[in-house]
C-alpha atoms as a PDB file:
ATOM      1  CA  UNK A   1     -42.370 -16.118   3.019  1.00  0.00           C
ATOM      2  CA  UNK A   2     -43.917 -12.779   2.555  1.00  0.00           C
ATOM      3  CA  UNK A   3     -42.594  -9.870   0.492  1.00  0.00           C
ATOM      4  CA  UNK A   4     -42.397  -7.741   3.690  1.00  0.00           C
ATOM      5  CA  UNK A   5     -39.907 -10.489   5.538  1.00  0.00           C
ATOM      6  CA  UNK A   6     -37.845 -10.911   1.582  1.00  0.00           C
ATOM      7  CA  UNK A   7     -37.612  -7.316   2.174  1.00  0.00           C
ATOM      8  CA  UNK A   8     -36.175  -7.353   5.503  1.00  0.00           C
ATOM      9  CA  UNK A   9     -34.263 -10.012   5.248  1.00  0.00           C
ATOM     10  CA  UNK A  10     -32.291  -7.711   2.521  1.00  0.00           C
ATOM     11  CA  UNK A  11     -32.651  -4.788   4.557  1.00  0.00           C
ATOM     12  CA  UNK A  12     -30.208  -6.991   7.383  1.00  0.00           C
ATOM     13  CA  UNK A  13     -28.279  -7.908   4.815  1.00  0.00           C
ATOM     14  CA  UNK A  14     -27.597  -4.753   3.315  1.00  0.00           C
ATOM     15  CA  UNK A  15     -27.262  -3.213   7.396  1.00  0.00           C
ATOM     16  CA  UNK A  16     -24.799  -6.252   8.289  1.00  0.00           C
ATOM     17  CA  UNK A  17     -22.488  -5.664   5.003  1.00  0.00           C
ATOM     18  CA  UNK A  18     -22.625  -1.628   5.839  1.00  0.00           C
ATOM     19  CA  UNK A  19     -21.083  -2.629   9.324  1.00  0.00           C
ATOM     20  CA  UNK A  20     -18.453  -5.536   7.912  1.00  0.00           C
ATOM     21  CA  UNK A  21     -17.473  -2.642   5.392  1.00  0.00           C
ATOM     22  CA  UNK A  22     -16.784   0.456   7.996  1.00  0.00           C
ATOM     23  CA  UNK A  23     -15.371  -2.290  10.382  1.00  0.00           C
ATOM     24  CA  UNK A  24     -12.789  -3.319   7.692  1.00  0.00           C
ATOM     25  CA  UNK A  25     -11.912   0.679   7.225  1.00  0.00           C
ATOM     26  CA  UNK A  26     -11.550   1.657  10.500  1.00  0.00           C
ATOM     27  CA  UNK A  27      -9.737  -1.686  11.041  1.00  0.00           C
ATOM     28  CA  UNK A  28      -7.293  -1.108   8.484  1.00  0.00           C
ATOM     29  CA  UNK A  29      -6.425   2.068   9.224  1.00  0.00           C
ATOM     30  CA  UNK A  30      -5.455   1.015  12.792  1.00  0.00           C
ATOM     31  CA  UNK A  31      -3.671  -1.513  11.516  1.00  0.00           C
ATOM     32  CA  UNK A  32      -1.688   0.361   8.542  1.00  0.00           C
ATOM     33  CA  UNK A  33      -1.164   3.263  11.379  1.00  0.00           C
ATOM     34  CA  UNK A  34       1.046   0.559  13.815  1.00  0.00           C
ATOM     35  CA  UNK A  35       2.695  -1.524  10.529  1.00  0.00           C
ATOM     36  CA  UNK A  36       4.249   2.158   9.744  1.00  0.00           C
ATOM     37  CA  UNK A  37       4.861   3.392  13.029  1.00  0.00           C
ATOM     38  CA  UNK A  38       6.190  -0.162  13.563  1.00  0.00           C
ATOM     39  CA  UNK A  39       8.667  -0.141  10.307  1.00  0.00           C
ATOM     40  CA  UNK A  40      10.189   3.397  10.850  1.00  0.00           C
ATOM     41  CA  UNK A  41      10.650   2.858  14.500  1.00  0.00           C
ATOM     42  CA  UNK A  42      13.320  -0.414  13.572  1.00  0.00           C
ATOM     43  CA  UNK A  43      14.384   0.711  10.647  1.00  0.00           C
ATOM     44  CA  UNK A  44      17.333   2.615   9.420  1.00  0.00           C
ATOM     45  CA  UNK A  45      18.404   4.544   5.777  1.00  0.00           C
ATOM     46  CA  UNK A  46      20.603   2.559   3.677  1.00  0.00           C
ATOM     47  CA  UNK A  47      23.283   5.672   3.523  1.00  0.00           C
ATOM     48  CA  UNK A  48      23.793   5.002  -0.646  1.00  0.00           C
ATOM     49  CA  UNK A  49      20.084   6.169  -0.571  1.00  0.00           C
ATOM     50  CA  UNK A  50      18.994   7.821   2.070  1.00  0.00           C
ATOM     51  CA  UNK A  51      15.570  10.006   1.613  1.00  0.00           C
ATOM     52  CA  UNK A  52      17.624  13.219   1.112  1.00  0.00           C
ATOM     53  CA  UNK A  53      19.343  11.968  -1.710  1.00  0.00           C
ATOM     54  CA  UNK A  54      16.478  10.338  -3.021  1.00  0.00           C
ATOM     55  CA  UNK A  55      14.184  13.348  -3.147  1.00  0.00           C
ATOM     56  CA  UNK A  56      17.204  15.738  -4.179  1.00  0.00           C
ATOM     57  CA  UNK A  57      18.373  13.017  -7.215  1.00  0.00           C
ATOM     58  CA  UNK A  58      21.498  12.097  -6.268  1.00  0.00           C
ATOM     59  CA  UNK A  59      21.331   8.611  -4.625  1.00  0.00           C
ATOM     60  CA  UNK A  60      23.273   5.853  -6.238  1.00  0.00           C
ATOM     61  CA  UNK A  61      21.709   3.975  -9.029  1.00  0.00           C
ATOM     62  CA  UNK A  62      19.922   1.860  -9.231  1.00  0.00           C
ATOM     63  CA  UNK A  63      18.095   2.956  -5.985  1.00  0.00           C
ATOM     64  CA  UNK A  64      17.489   6.635  -7.667  1.00  0.00           C
ATOM     65  CA  UNK A  65      15.642   4.584 -10.367  1.00  0.00           C
ATOM     66  CA  UNK A  66      12.733   4.207  -7.998  1.00  0.00           C
ATOM     67  CA  UNK A  67      11.377   7.841  -8.164  1.00  0.00           C
ATOM     68  CA  UNK A  68       7.765   7.788  -7.753  1.00  0.00           C
ATOM     69  CA  UNK A  69       7.128   8.221  -3.652  1.00  0.00           C
ATOM     70  CA  UNK A  70      10.626  10.338  -3.815  1.00  0.00           C
ATOM     71  CA  UNK A  71       9.125  12.578  -6.532  1.00  0.00           C
ATOM     72  CA  UNK A  72       5.347  12.727  -4.934  1.00  0.00           C
ATOM     73  CA  UNK A  73       7.280  13.120  -1.574  1.00  0.00           C
ATOM     74  CA  UNK A  74       8.864  16.929  -3.439  1.00  0.00           C
ATOM     75  CA  UNK A  75       5.833  17.842  -5.092  1.00  0.00           C
ATOM     76  CA  UNK A  76       3.808  17.872  -1.523  1.00  0.00           C
ATOM     77  CA  UNK A  77       6.685  19.294   0.103  1.00  0.00           C
ATOM     78  CA  UNK A  78       6.816  21.849  -2.202  1.00  0.00           C
ATOM     79  CA  UNK A  79       3.032  22.667  -2.353  1.00  0.00           C
ATOM     80  CA  UNK A  80       2.246  22.797   1.447  1.00  0.00           C
ATOM     81  CA  UNK A  81       5.524  25.132   1.341  1.00  0.00           C
ATOM     82  CA  UNK A  82       3.895  27.363  -1.527  1.00  0.00           C
ATOM     83  CA  UNK A  83       0.774  27.459   1.200  1.00  0.00           C
ATOM     84  CA  UNK A  84       3.128  27.773   4.138  1.00  0.00           C
ATOM     85  CA  UNK A  85       2.236  24.476   5.885  1.00  0.00           C
ATOM     86  CA  UNK A  86       5.460  23.129   7.360  1.00  0.00           C
ATOM     87  CA  UNK A  87       5.949  19.588   7.354  1.00  0.00           C
ATOM     88  CA  UNK A  88       9.586  17.723   6.803  1.00  0.00           C
ATOM     89  CA  UNK A  89      10.057  15.379   4.141  1.00  0.00           C
ATOM     90  CA  UNK A  90      10.392  12.478   6.344  1.00  0.00           C
ATOM     91  CA  UNK A  91       6.744  13.188   8.039  1.00  0.00           C
ATOM     92  CA  UNK A  92       6.094  13.099   4.340  1.00  0.00           C
ATOM     93  CA  UNK A  93       7.663   9.800   3.501  1.00  0.00           C
ATOM     94  CA  UNK A  94       5.827   8.441   6.420  1.00  0.00           C
ATOM     95  CA  UNK A  95       2.884   9.911   5.346  1.00  0.00           C
ATOM     96  CA  UNK A  96       3.369   7.990   1.767  1.00  0.00           C
ATOM     97  CA  UNK A  97       4.197   4.523   3.958  1.00  0.00           C
ATOM     98  CA  UNK A  98       0.748   5.089   5.883  1.00  0.00           C
ATOM     99  CA  UNK A  99      -0.821   5.383   2.614  1.00  0.00           C
ATOM    100  CA  UNK A 100       0.142   2.757   0.778  1.00  0.00           C
ATOM    101  CA  UNK A 101       0.033   0.270   3.803  1.00  0.00           C
ATOM    102  CA  UNK A 102      -3.348   0.974   3.826  1.00  0.00           C
ATOM    103  CA  UNK A 103      -4.867   0.457   0.568  1.00  0.00           C
ATOM    104  CA  UNK A 104      -2.905  -2.324  -0.018  1.00  0.00           C
ATOM    105  CA  UNK A 105      -4.937  -3.898   2.723  1.00  0.00           C
ATOM    106  CA  UNK A 106      -7.934  -2.829   0.551  1.00  0.00           C
ATOM    107  CA  UNK A 107      -6.342  -4.057  -2.777  1.00  0.00           C
ATOM    108  CA  UNK A 108      -5.686  -7.557  -1.200  1.00  0.00           C
ATOM    109  CA  UNK A 109      -9.761  -7.577  -0.262  1.00  0.00           C
ATOM    110  CA  UNK A 110     -10.372  -6.923  -3.738  1.00  0.00           C
ATOM    111  CA  UNK A 111      -8.141  -9.638  -4.652  1.00  0.00           C
ATOM    112  CA  UNK A 112      -9.513 -12.206  -2.400  1.00  0.00           C
ATOM    113  CA  UNK A 113     -13.350 -10.797  -3.290  1.00  0.00           C
ATOM    114  CA  UNK A 114     -12.809 -13.010  -6.550  1.00  0.00           C
ATOM    115  CA  UNK A 115     -12.145 -16.365  -4.877  1.00  0.00           C
ATOM    116  CA  UNK A 116     -14.189 -15.625  -1.364  1.00  0.00           C
ATOM    117  CA  UNK A 117     -17.599 -14.707  -1.733  1.00  0.00           C
ATOM    118  CA  UNK A 118     -18.962 -14.138   1.739  1.00  0.00           C
ATOM    119  CA  UNK A 119     -19.061 -11.106   2.975  1.00  0.00           C
ATOM    120  CA  UNK A 120     -17.409 -12.050   6.592  1.00  0.00           C
ATOM    121  CA  UNK A 121     -14.461 -13.579   5.375  1.00  0.00           C
ATOM    122  CA  UNK A 122     -13.554 -10.914   2.759  1.00  0.00           C
ATOM    123  CA  UNK A 123     -13.738  -8.359   5.783  1.00  0.00           C
ATOM    124  CA  UNK A 124     -11.426 -11.036   7.922  1.00  0.00           C
ATOM    125  CA  UNK A 125      -9.176 -12.609   5.524  1.00  0.00           C
ATOM    126  CA  UNK A 126      -7.292  -9.664   4.112  1.00  0.00           C
ATOM    127  CA  UNK A 127      -5.984  -9.016   7.299  1.00  0.00           C
ATOM    128  CA  UNK A 128      -4.074 -11.930   6.960  1.00  0.00           C
ATOM    129  CA  UNK A 129      -1.588 -10.431   5.171  1.00  0.00           C
ATOM    130  CA  UNK A 130      -0.528  -7.938   8.249  1.00  0.00           C
ATOM    131  CA  UNK A 131       0.718 -11.513   9.644  1.00  0.00           C
ATOM    132  CA  UNK A 132       3.152 -12.357   6.654  1.00  0.00           C
ATOM    133  CA  UNK A 133       4.711  -8.516   6.002  1.00  0.00           C
ATOM    134  CA  UNK A 134       7.182  -8.411   9.423  1.00  0.00           C
ATOM    135  CA  UNK A 135       8.854 -11.831   7.863  1.00  0.00           C
ATOM    136  CA  UNK A 136      10.462  -9.906   5.036  1.00  0.00           C
ATOM    137  CA  UNK A 137      10.233  -6.143   6.393  1.00  0.00           C
ATOM    138  CA  UNK A 138      10.890  -6.550  10.042  1.00  0.00           C
ATOM    139  CA  UNK A 139      13.090  -9.753  10.885  1.00  0.00           C
ATOM    140  CA  UNK A 140      15.744  -9.415   8.249  1.00  0.00           C
ATOM    141  CA  UNK A 141      18.878 -10.453  10.085  1.00  0.00           C
ATOM    142  CA  UNK A 142      20.874  -8.413   7.134  1.00  0.00           C
ATOM    143  CA  UNK A 143      19.710  -5.162   8.775  1.00  0.00           C
ATOM    144  CA  UNK A 144      16.261  -3.458   8.756  1.00  0.00           C
ATOM    145  CA  UNK A 145      16.192  -0.768   5.765  1.00  0.00           C
ATOM    146  CA  UNK A 146      13.220   1.353   4.767  1.00  0.00           C
ATOM    147  CA  UNK A 147      12.859   1.869   1.468  1.00  0.00           C
ATOM    148  CA  UNK A 148       9.897   4.280   0.108  1.00  0.00           C
ATOM    149  CA  UNK A 149       9.021   1.878  -2.592  1.00  0.00           C
ATOM    150  CA  UNK A 150       8.519  -1.008  -0.861  1.00  0.00           C
ATOM    151  CA  UNK A 151       5.168  -0.704   0.122  1.00  0.00           C
ATOM    152  CA  UNK A 152       3.836   0.508  -2.904  1.00  0.00           C
ATOM    153  CA  UNK A 153       5.742  -1.679  -5.061  1.00  0.00           C
ATOM    154  CA  UNK A 154       3.429  -4.448  -3.197  1.00  0.00           C
ATOM    155  CA  UNK A 155       0.660  -2.602  -3.566  1.00  0.00           C
ATOM    156  CA  UNK A 156       0.734  -1.925  -7.031  1.00  0.00           C
ATOM    157  CA  UNK A 157       1.565  -5.584  -7.741  1.00  0.00           C
ATOM    158  CA  UNK A 158      -1.464  -6.852  -5.815  1.00  0.00           C
ATOM    159  CA  UNK A 159      -3.612  -4.073  -8.055  1.00  0.00           C
ATOM    160  CA  UNK A 160      -2.222  -5.416 -11.037  1.00  0.00           C
ATOM    161  CA  UNK A 161      -2.962  -8.774  -9.805  1.00  0.00           C
ATOM    162  CA  UNK A 162      -6.845  -7.872  -9.805  1.00  0.00           C
ATOM    163  CA  UNK A 163      -7.088  -6.087 -12.626  1.00  0.00           C
ATOM    164  CA  UNK A 164      -5.116  -8.914 -15.111  1.00  0.00           C
ATOM    165  CA  UNK A 165      -7.541 -11.113 -13.254  1.00  0.00           C
ATOM    166  CA  UNK A 166     -10.540  -9.241 -14.438  1.00  0.00           C
ATOM    167  CA  UNK A 167      -8.742  -8.274 -17.846  1.00  0.00           C
ATOM    168  CA  UNK A 168      -9.300  -4.671 -17.197  1.00  0.00           C
ATOM    169  CA  UNK A 169      -6.461  -3.442 -19.350  1.00  0.00           C
ATOM    170  CA  UNK A 170      -8.092   0.079 -19.460  1.00  0.00           C
ATOM    171  CA  UNK A 171      -6.970   0.092 -15.534  1.00  0.00           C
ATOM    172  CA  UNK A 172      -4.027  -2.467 -16.089  1.00  0.00           C
ATOM    173  CA  UNK A 173      -1.188  -0.486 -18.176  1.00  0.00           C
ATOM    174  CA  UNK A 174      -1.504   2.645 -16.445  1.00  0.00           C
ATOM    175  CA  UNK A 175      -1.035   0.753 -12.955  1.00  0.00           C
ATOM    176  CA  UNK A 176       1.976  -0.529 -14.955  1.00  0.00           C
ATOM    177  CA  UNK A 177       3.122   2.776 -15.785  1.00  0.00           C
ATOM    178  CA  UNK A 178       3.152   4.100 -12.592  1.00  0.00           C
ATOM    179  CA  UNK A 179       4.198   1.239 -10.692  1.00  0.00           C
ATOM    180  CA  UNK A 180       7.162   1.158 -13.129  1.00  0.00           C
ATOM    181  CA  UNK A 181       8.349   4.340 -12.005  1.00  0.00           C
ATOM    182  CA  UNK A 182       8.377   2.976  -8.469  1.00  0.00           C
ATOM    183  CA  UNK A 183       9.960  -0.037  -9.224  1.00  0.00           C
ATOM    184  CA  UNK A 184      10.820  -2.022 -12.232  1.00  0.00           C
ATOM    185  CA  UNK A 185       9.815  -5.689 -10.560  1.00  0.00           C
ATOM    186  CA  UNK A 186       6.106  -4.990 -11.733  1.00  0.00           C
ATOM    187  CA  UNK A 187       7.134  -6.523 -14.582  1.00  0.00           C
ATOM    188  CA  UNK A 188       6.653  -9.991 -13.123  1.00  0.00           C
ATOM    189  CA  UNK A 189       2.648  -9.462 -13.481  1.00  0.00           C
ATOM    190  CA  UNK A 190       4.023  -9.407 -16.898  1.00  0.00           C
ATOM    191  CA  UNK A 191       5.124 -13.115 -16.580  1.00  0.00           C
ATOM    192  CA  UNK A 192       1.577 -13.915 -14.412  1.00  0.00           C
ATOM    193  CA  UNK A 193      -0.527 -13.082 -17.304  1.00  0.00           C
ATOM    194  CA  UNK A 194       1.681 -14.825 -19.958  1.00  0.00           C
ATOM    195  CA  UNK A 195       1.256 -18.442 -17.749  1.00  0.00           C
ATOM    196  CA  UNK A 196      -2.312 -17.119 -17.244  1.00  0.00           C
ATOM    197  CA  UNK A 197      -2.930 -16.716 -20.671  1.00  0.00           C
ATOM    198  CA  UNK A 198      -0.728 -19.779 -22.584  1.00  0.00           C
ATOM    199  CA  UNK A 199      -3.452 -22.397 -23.836  1.00  0.00           C
ATOM    200  CA  UNK A 200      -6.302 -20.089 -22.998  1.00  0.00           C
ATOM    201  CA  UNK A 201      -6.256 -16.852 -25.085  1.00  0.00           C
ATOM    202  CA  UNK A 202      -5.433 -16.433 -28.824  1.00  0.00           C
ATOM    203  CA  UNK A 203      -1.533 -17.039 -29.083  1.00  0.00           C
ATOM    204  CA  UNK A 204      -1.555 -13.616 -31.191  1.00  0.00           C
ATOM    205  CA  UNK A 205      -3.294 -11.618 -28.471  1.00  0.00           C
ATOM    206  CA  UNK A 206      -0.783 -13.135 -25.546  1.00  0.00           C
ATOM    207  CA  UNK A 207       2.004 -11.926 -28.049  1.00  0.00           C
ATOM    208  CA  UNK A 208       0.868  -8.199 -28.146  1.00  0.00           C
ATOM    209  CA  UNK A 209       0.367  -7.707 -24.638  1.00  0.00           C
ATOM    210  CA  UNK A 210       3.986  -9.277 -23.216  1.00  0.00           C
ATOM    211  CA  UNK A 211       5.508  -6.921 -26.092  1.00  0.00           C
ATOM    212  CA  UNK A 212       3.905  -4.296 -25.311  1.00  0.00           C
ATOM    213  CA  UNK A 213       4.588  -4.394 -21.811  1.00  0.00           C
ATOM    214  CA  UNK A 214       8.158  -5.275 -22.367  1.00  0.00           C
ATOM    215  CA  UNK A 215       8.538  -2.178 -24.587  1.00  0.00           C
ATOM    216  CA  UNK A 216       6.917  -0.014 -21.658  1.00  0.00           C
ATOM    217  CA  UNK A 217       9.751  -1.334 -19.557  1.00  0.00           C
ATOM    218  CA  UNK A 218      12.220  -1.197 -21.660  1.00  0.00           C
ATOM    219  CA  UNK A 219      11.254   3.016 -22.464  1.00  0.00           C
ATOM    220  CA  UNK A 220      10.830   3.940 -19.110  1.00  0.00           C
ATOM    221  CA  UNK A 221      14.331   2.536 -17.723  1.00  0.00           C
ATOM    222  CA  UNK A 222      15.674   4.066 -20.742  1.00  0.00           C
ATOM    223  CA  UNK A 223      14.285   7.195 -19.749  1.00  0.00           C
ATOM    224  CA  UNK A 224      15.222   7.089 -15.685  1.00  0.00           C
ATOM    225  CA  UNK A 225      19.028   5.680 -17.204  1.00  0.00           C
ATOM    226  CA  UNK A 226      18.975   9.054 -19.306  1.00  0.00           C
ATOM    227  CA  UNK A 227      17.749  11.495 -16.639  1.00  0.00           C
ATOM    228  CA  UNK A 228      20.051  10.209 -13.546  1.00  0.00           C
ATOM    229  CA  UNK A 229      23.062   9.063 -15.934  1.00  0.00           C
ATOM    230  CA  UNK A 230      25.791  11.173 -13.990  1.00  0.00           C
ATOM    231  CA  UNK A 231      24.338   9.648 -10.643  1.00  0.00           C
ATOM    232  CA  UNK A 232      27.482   7.464  -9.225  1.00  0.00           C
ATOM    233  CA  UNK A 233      26.615   3.642  -8.792  1.00  0.00           C
ATOM    234  CA  UNK A 234      25.987   0.484 -10.956  1.00  0.00           C
ATOM    235  CA  UNK A 235      23.362   1.219 -13.602  1.00  0.00           C
ATOM    236  CA  UNK A 236      20.322  -0.994 -13.596  1.00  0.00           C
ATOM    237  CA  UNK A 237      20.825  -3.437 -10.899  1.00  0.00           C
ATOM    238  CA  UNK A 238      23.348  -4.537  -8.931  1.00  0.00           C
ATOM    239  CA  UNK A 239      25.562  -8.089  -9.179  1.00  0.00           C
ATOM    240  CA  UNK A 240      25.059 -10.318  -6.538  1.00  0.00           C
ATOM    241  CA  UNK A 241      25.072 -13.919  -8.920  1.00  0.00           C
ATOM    242  CA  UNK A 242      28.745 -14.837  -6.438  1.00  0.00           C
ATOM    243  CA  UNK A 243      27.741 -13.370  -3.439  1.00  0.00           C
ATOM    244  CA  UNK A 244      24.371 -15.261  -3.491  1.00  0.00           C
ATOM    245  CA  UNK A 245      25.752 -18.805  -4.223  1.00  0.00           C
ATOM    246  CA  UNK A 246      28.154 -18.178  -1.163  1.00  0.00           C
ATOM    247  CA  UNK A 247      25.048 -17.513   1.143  1.00  0.00           C
ATOM    248  CA  UNK A 248      23.032 -21.183  -0.478  1.00  0.00           C
ATOM    249  CA  UNK A 249      26.255 -22.953   0.184  1.00  0.00           C
ATOM    250  CA  UNK A 250      25.727 -22.248   3.678  1.00  0.00           C
ATOM    251  CA  UNK A 251      23.106 -24.420   5.728  1.00  0.00           C
ATOM    252  CA  UNK A 252      22.618 -22.281   8.216  1.00  0.00           C
ATOM    253  CA  UNK A 253      21.284 -19.479   6.084  1.00  0.00           C
ATOM    254  CA  UNK A 254      18.780 -21.686   4.715  1.00  0.00           C
ATOM    255  CA  UNK A 255      15.978 -21.518   8.190  1.00  0.00           C
ATOM    256  CA  UNK A 256      16.240 -17.342   7.362  1.00  0.00           C
ATOM    257  CA  UNK A 257      15.597 -17.839   3.588  1.00  0.00           C
ATOM    258  CA  UNK A 258      12.919 -20.593   4.550  1.00  0.00           C
ATOM    259  CA  UNK A 259      10.932 -18.116   6.766  1.00  0.00           C
ATOM    260  CA  UNK A 260      10.645 -15.752   4.032  1.00  0.00           C
ATOM    261  CA  UNK A 261       6.582 -15.186   4.389  1.00  0.00           C
ATOM    262  CA  UNK A 262       6.321 -16.639   7.021  1.00  0.00           C
ATOM    263  CA  UNK A 263       6.978 -20.304   6.050  1.00  0.00           C
ATOM    264  CA  UNK A 264       3.815 -20.301   3.758  1.00  0.00           C
ATOM    265  CA  UNK A 265       5.592 -20.342   0.821  1.00  0.00           C
ATOM    266  CA  UNK A 266       6.327 -23.731   1.272  1.00  0.00           C
ATOM    267  CA  UNK A 267       2.716 -25.420   1.428  1.00  0.00           C
ATOM    268  CA  UNK A 268       1.399 -23.239  -1.009  1.00  0.00           C
ATOM    269  CA  UNK A 269       4.035 -24.496  -3.379  1.00  0.00           C
ATOM    270  CA  UNK A 270       3.350 -28.464  -1.828  1.00  0.00           C
ATOM    271  CA  UNK A 271      -0.402 -27.952  -2.327  1.00  0.00           C
ATOM    272  CA  UNK A 272      -0.411 -26.824  -6.010  1.00  0.00           C
ATOM    273  CA  UNK A 273      -2.888 -29.130  -7.289  1.00  0.00           C
ATOM    274  CA  UNK A 274      -5.507 -28.212  -4.644  1.00  0.00           C
ATOM    275  CA  UNK A 275      -5.357 -24.088  -5.492  1.00  0.00           C
ATOM    276  CA  UNK A 276      -8.961 -25.155  -8.126  1.00  0.00           C
ATOM    277  CA  UNK A 277      -8.936 -21.512  -9.346  1.00  0.00           C
ATOM    278  CA  UNK A 278      -6.906 -21.414 -12.967  1.00  0.00           C
ATOM    279  CA  UNK A 279      -5.013 -18.052 -12.398  1.00  0.00           C
ATOM    280  CA  UNK A 280      -4.483 -18.659  -9.082  1.00  0.00           C
ATOM    281  CA  UNK A 281      -2.677 -21.810  -9.550  1.00  0.00           C
ATOM    282  CA  UNK A 282      -1.083 -20.502 -12.477  1.00  0.00           C
ATOM    283  CA  UNK A 283       0.093 -17.477 -10.832  1.00  0.00           C
ATOM    284  CA  UNK A 284       2.107 -19.674  -8.642  1.00  0.00           C
ATOM    285  CA  UNK A 285       4.897 -20.732 -11.278  1.00  0.00           C
ATOM    286  CA  UNK A 286       5.833 -16.811 -11.124  1.00  0.00           C
ATOM    287  CA  UNK A 287       8.312 -18.374  -8.529  1.00  0.00           C
ATOM    288  CA  UNK A 288      10.604 -19.591 -11.519  1.00  0.00           C
ATOM    289  CA  UNK A 289      10.928 -16.637 -13.036  1.00  0.00           C
ATOM    290  CA  UNK A 290      11.308 -14.352 -10.083  1.00  0.00           C
ATOM    291  CA  UNK A 291      13.222 -16.382  -7.978  1.00  0.00           C
ATOM    292  CA  UNK A 292      16.317 -16.979 -11.079  1.00  0.00           C
ATOM    293  CA  UNK A 293      16.070 -13.030 -11.224  1.00  0.00           C
ATOM    294  CA  UNK A 294      16.658 -12.255  -7.392  1.00  0.00           C
ATOM    295  CA  UNK A 295      19.625 -15.177  -7.775  1.00  0.00           C
ATOM    296  CA  UNK A 296      21.698 -12.408 -10.053  1.00  0.00           C
ATOM    297  CA  UNK A 297      20.043  -9.111  -9.285  1.00  0.00           C
ATOM    298  CA  UNK A 298      19.803  -9.060  -5.527  1.00  0.00           C
ATOM    299  CA  UNK A 299      20.847 -10.231  -2.153  1.00  0.00           C
ATOM    300  CA  UNK A 300      18.265 -13.416  -1.505  1.00  0.00           C
ATOM    301  CA  UNK A 301      18.849 -13.501   2.487  1.00  0.00           C
ATOM    302  CA  UNK A 302      17.122  -9.801   2.591  1.00  0.00           C
ATOM    303  CA  UNK A 303      13.754 -10.655   2.317  1.00  0.00           C
ATOM    304  CA  UNK A 304      11.652  -7.576   1.030  1.00  0.00           C
ATOM    305  CA  UNK A 305      13.145  -8.568  -2.256  1.00  0.00           C
ATOM    306  CA  UNK A 306      10.653 -11.120  -2.407  1.00  0.00           C
ATOM    307  CA  UNK A 307       7.394  -9.144  -0.956  1.00  0.00           C
ATOM    308  CA  UNK A 308       5.790  -8.714  -4.747  1.00  0.00           C
ATOM    309  CA  UNK A 309       5.208 -12.588  -4.413  1.00  0.00           C
ATOM    310  CA  UNK A 310       3.093 -12.358  -1.004  1.00  0.00           C
ATOM    311  CA  UNK A 311      -0.530 -11.590  -2.663  1.00  0.00           C
ATOM    312  CA  UNK A 312       0.189 -14.738  -5.194  1.00  0.00           C
ATOM    313  CA  UNK A 313       1.471 -17.045  -2.332  1.00  0.00           C
ATOM    314  CA  UNK A 314      -0.388 -16.300   0.083  1.00  0.00           C
ATOM    315  CA  UNK A 315      -3.677 -16.540  -1.528  1.00  0.00           C
ATOM    316  CA  UNK A 316      -2.665 -19.744  -2.582  1.00  0.00           C
ATOM    317  CA  UNK A 317      -2.163 -20.562   0.682  1.00  0.00           C
ATOM    318  CA  UNK A 318      -5.414 -20.095   1.570  1.00  0.00           C
ATOM    319  CA  UNK A 319      -7.035 -21.457  -1.049  1.00  0.00           C
ATOM    320  CA  UNK A 320      -5.223 -24.880  -0.377  1.00  0.00           C
ATOM    321  CA  UNK A 321      -6.597 -24.205   3.523  1.00  0.00           C
ATOM    322  CA  UNK A 322     -10.197 -23.638   1.800  1.00  0.00           C
ATOM    323  CA  UNK A 323      -9.972 -26.749  -0.679  1.00  0.00           C
ATOM    324  CA  UNK A 324      -8.470 -28.900   2.534  1.00  0.00           C
ATOM    325  CA  UNK A 325     -11.393 -27.469   4.735  1.00  0.00           C
ATOM    326  CA  UNK A 326     -13.791 -28.649   1.940  1.00  0.00           C
ATOM    327  CA  UNK A 327     -12.382 -32.004   1.677  1.00  0.00           C
ATOM    328  CA  UNK A 328     -13.003 -32.556   5.443  1.00  0.00           C
END
């Protein structure tokens, strides 16, 4: 092949990749808008943590501890008011949801690009997450509630997976801190790091990072506890162990529970050994501490509580499919 032919081929590939990237951005904006519109149309506010109470700092605990988005909305509202722009807090929460949904797609593309190298595949596969989100956020049988931290927590968790995979501690720790102000469940990234590092990294290094993340988690939780110490509520978390046991003893609830993440958690876990990437395979183990924690501290039938597991389980599912196709 001549030099001219090589240059022509390279130009074609660059142009194709540019079109794919532009197409992804445009489609991601449309999908994020549609998801946000549907979510706000179908959801209702929980009476103990209304958007007004969250912004004013008067919601009950533990809901009030998830302050990142309410703080951002309040700051943006006051900034716009200073420049005499009118926008309600509801509109600003809508905007935050839209931004989080868009960047969630971008973050999931970044995570999938660690396992799938073809540009067309990387442009298409991130949208599979949109097929899963309704099962956790829109199809709940116990009532569809909008909490402003749900989609951002999924975004932060996905970005955390990217940074853990790359061992980019410079970006991981700021994300970890910011994510903790959004929702405490970002701490399960520490479990993923632990499972991925055991037997591969030096024990001293693993212990250092796990201890540091635990210290950060405790410090921020205590700070928020002291900040909202006079708010009504249950404190750090609500106790649901008894109600969850009652839920699990009723076989009629199992189809609902199994529908979490569109049922894909079942083949993802059963196909555990087909996930060839070590990090992706070990990440599936976070399902164990995550489930045990929810059993005590959340309503397991409220499927939005399982949402942080979506990038872990969905990626494992896609890698299982990839391996099966490869074998065929």
